[in-house]
Amino acid sequence: MATDKTSAQFYEEAILEETSGPSNVVGQTFYEPESAEAKALDRAVNLKLDFAVLIVLAINFILCGIDKVKYHWQDIQ
C-alpha cells in the first residue's frame, strides 16, 4: 500500500533535494565573506555606498532648505 503524500510534503522533499548538494549550506540565509580579502573588499564597497547615500541626502537637505528660504523671502517682501 503506497503512502499518500500531500503537495506540501512533495514541495519540502524537492527543496531538500535542491539544497542537499555539497556546495550548498542548508539554513544559511545571509552572506558571510570567506576570506579576509573579501571582508576588506566588502567593507570598502559598503563605505563608498554609505558616502554616496550621505552625499545624496545632504544635497537633498540643502535643496529643501533653499526652497523654504525662497518661499519665506517672497512672503516677507
C-alpha atoms as a PDB file:
ATOM      1  CA  MET A   1       0.000   0.000   0.000  1.00  0.00           C
ATOM      2  CA  ALA A   2       1.515   3.292  -1.082  1.00  0.00           C
ATOM      3  CA  THR A   3       1.569   6.191   1.319  1.00  0.00           C
ATOM      4  CA  ASP A   4      -0.304   9.292   0.267  1.00  0.00           C
ATOM      5  CA  LYS A   5       1.732  12.494   0.327  1.00  0.00           C
ATOM      6  CA  THR A   6       0.396  15.981   0.332  1.00  0.00           C
ATOM      7  CA  SER A   7       1.677  18.634  -2.052  1.00  0.00           C
ATOM      8  CA  ALA A   8       3.433  20.304   0.886  1.00  0.00           C
ATOM      9  CA  GLN A   9       5.407  17.125   1.560  1.00  0.00           C
ATOM     10  CA  PHE A  10       6.418  16.876  -2.110  1.00  0.00           C
ATOM     11  CA  TYR A  11       7.483  20.521  -2.017  1.00  0.00           C
ATOM     12  CA  GLU A  12       9.554  20.015   1.142  1.00  0.00           C
ATOM     13  CA  GLU A  13      11.277  16.973  -0.381  1.00  0.00           C
ATOM     14  CA  ALA A  14      12.055  18.918  -3.574  1.00  0.00           C
ATOM     15  CA  ILE A  15      13.573  21.756  -1.564  1.00  0.00           C
ATOM     16  CA  LEU A  16      15.675  19.320   0.465  1.00  0.00           C
ATOM     17  CA  GLU A  17      16.922  17.640  -2.725  1.00  0.00           C
ATOM     18  CA  GLU A  18      17.907  21.026  -4.228  1.00  0.00           C
ATOM     19  CA  THR A  19      19.746  22.217  -1.119  1.00  0.00           C
ATOM     20  CA  SER A  20      21.433  18.978  -0.142  1.00  0.00           C
ATOM     21  CA  GLY A  21      24.306  19.367  -2.623  1.00  0.00           C
ATOM     22  CA  PRO A  22      27.905  19.632  -1.402  1.00  0.00           C
ATOM     23  CA  SER A  23      28.210  23.325  -2.311  1.00  0.00           C
ATOM     24  CA  ASN A  24      25.017  24.465  -0.589  1.00  0.00           C
ATOM     25  CA  VAL A  25      24.748  25.191   3.103  1.00  0.00           C
ATOM     26  CA  VAL A  26      21.292  24.359   4.407  1.00  0.00           C
ATOM     27  CA  GLY A  27      19.794  27.110   6.503  1.00  0.00           C
ATOM     28  CA  GLN A  28      22.219  29.888   5.556  1.00  0.00           C
ATOM     29  CA  THR A  29      20.191  32.970   4.683  1.00  0.00           C
ATOM     30  CA  PHE A  30      22.894  35.641   4.770  1.00  0.00           C
ATOM     31  CA  TYR A  31      26.185  36.428   3.075  1.00  0.00           C
ATOM     32  CA  GLU A  32      29.373  35.903   5.003  1.00  0.00           C
ATOM     33  CA  PRO A  33      32.777  36.610   3.415  1.00  0.00           C
ATOM     34  CA  GLU A  34      35.035  33.590   3.196  1.00  0.00           C
ATOM     35  CA  SER A  35      38.398  35.363   3.474  1.00  0.00           C
ATOM     36  CA  ALA A  36      39.952  38.482   4.958  1.00  0.00           C
ATOM     37  CA  GLU A  37      40.356  39.938   1.451  1.00  0.00           C
ATOM     38  CA  ALA A  38      36.659  39.519   0.715  1.00  0.00           C
ATOM     39  CA  LYS A  39      35.808  41.098   4.066  1.00  0.00           C
ATOM     40  CA  ALA A  40      38.072  44.101   3.331  1.00  0.00           C
ATOM     41  CA  LEU A  41      36.543  44.496  -0.135  1.00  0.00           C
ATOM     42  CA  ASP A  42      33.016  44.351   1.293  1.00  0.00           C
ATOM     43  CA  ARG A  43      33.922  46.977   3.884  1.00  0.00           C
ATOM     44  CA  ALA A  44      35.390  49.266   1.200  1.00  0.00           C
ATOM     45  CA  VAL A  45      32.350  48.904  -1.061  1.00  0.00           C
ATOM     46  CA  ASN A  46      29.966  49.495   1.850  1.00  0.00           C
ATOM     47  CA  LEU A  47      31.899  52.614   2.861  1.00  0.00           C
ATOM     48  CA  LYS A  48      31.711  54.010  -0.681  1.00  0.00           C
ATOM     49  CA  LEU A  49      27.982  53.300  -0.866  1.00  0.00           C
ATOM     50  CA  ASP A  50      27.444  54.914   2.539  1.00  0.00           C
ATOM     51  CA  PHE A  51      29.211  58.080   1.392  1.00  0.00           C
ATOM     52  CA  ALA A  52      27.240  58.140  -1.866  1.00  0.00           C
ATOM     53  CA  VAL A  53      23.947  57.928   0.043  1.00  0.00           C
ATOM     54  CA  LEU A  54      25.183  60.562   2.503  1.00  0.00           C
ATOM     55  CA  ILE A  55      26.014  62.965  -0.335  1.00  0.00           C
ATOM     56  CA  VAL A  56      22.606  62.470  -1.972  1.00  0.00           C
ATOM     57  CA  LEU A  57      20.821  63.076   1.332  1.00  0.00           C
ATOM     58  CA  ALA A  58      22.949  66.148   2.101  1.00  0.00           C
ATOM     59  CA  ILE A  59      22.211  67.667  -1.316  1.00  0.00           C
ATOM     60  CA  ASN A  60      18.513  66.961  -0.842  1.00  0.00           C
ATOM     61  CA  PHE A  61      18.603  68.609   2.598  1.00  0.00           C
ATOM     62  CA  ILE A  62      20.364  71.698   1.189  1.00  0.00           C
ATOM     63  CA  LEU A  63      17.920  71.982  -1.711  1.00  0.00           C
ATOM     64  CA  CYS A  64      14.941  71.696   0.624  1.00  0.00           C
ATOM     65  CA  GLY A  65      16.423  74.459   2.780  1.00  0.00           C
ATOM     66  CA  ILE A  66      16.968  76.715  -0.252  1.00  0.00           C
ATOM     67  CA  ASP A  67      13.418  76.077  -1.403  1.00  0.00           C
ATOM     68  CA  LYS A  68      11.993  77.036   2.007  1.00  0.00           C
ATOM     69  CA  VAL A  69      14.120  80.187   2.182  1.00  0.00           C
ATOM     70  CA  LYS A  70      12.974  81.248  -1.281  1.00  0.00           C
ATOM     71  CA  TYR A  71       9.300  80.985  -0.349  1.00  0.00           C
ATOM     72  CA  HIS A  72       9.934  82.633   3.022  1.00  0.00           C
ATOM     73  CA  TRP A  73      11.568  85.676   1.376  1.00  0.00           C
ATOM     74  CA  GLN A  74       8.606  86.018  -1.020  1.00  0.00           C
ATOM     75  CA  ASP A  75       6.244  86.203   1.965  1.00  0.00           C
ATOM     76  CA  ILE A  76       8.315  88.933   3.655  1.00  0.00           C
ATOM     77  CA  GLN A  77       8.599  91.212   0.635  1.00  0.00           C
END
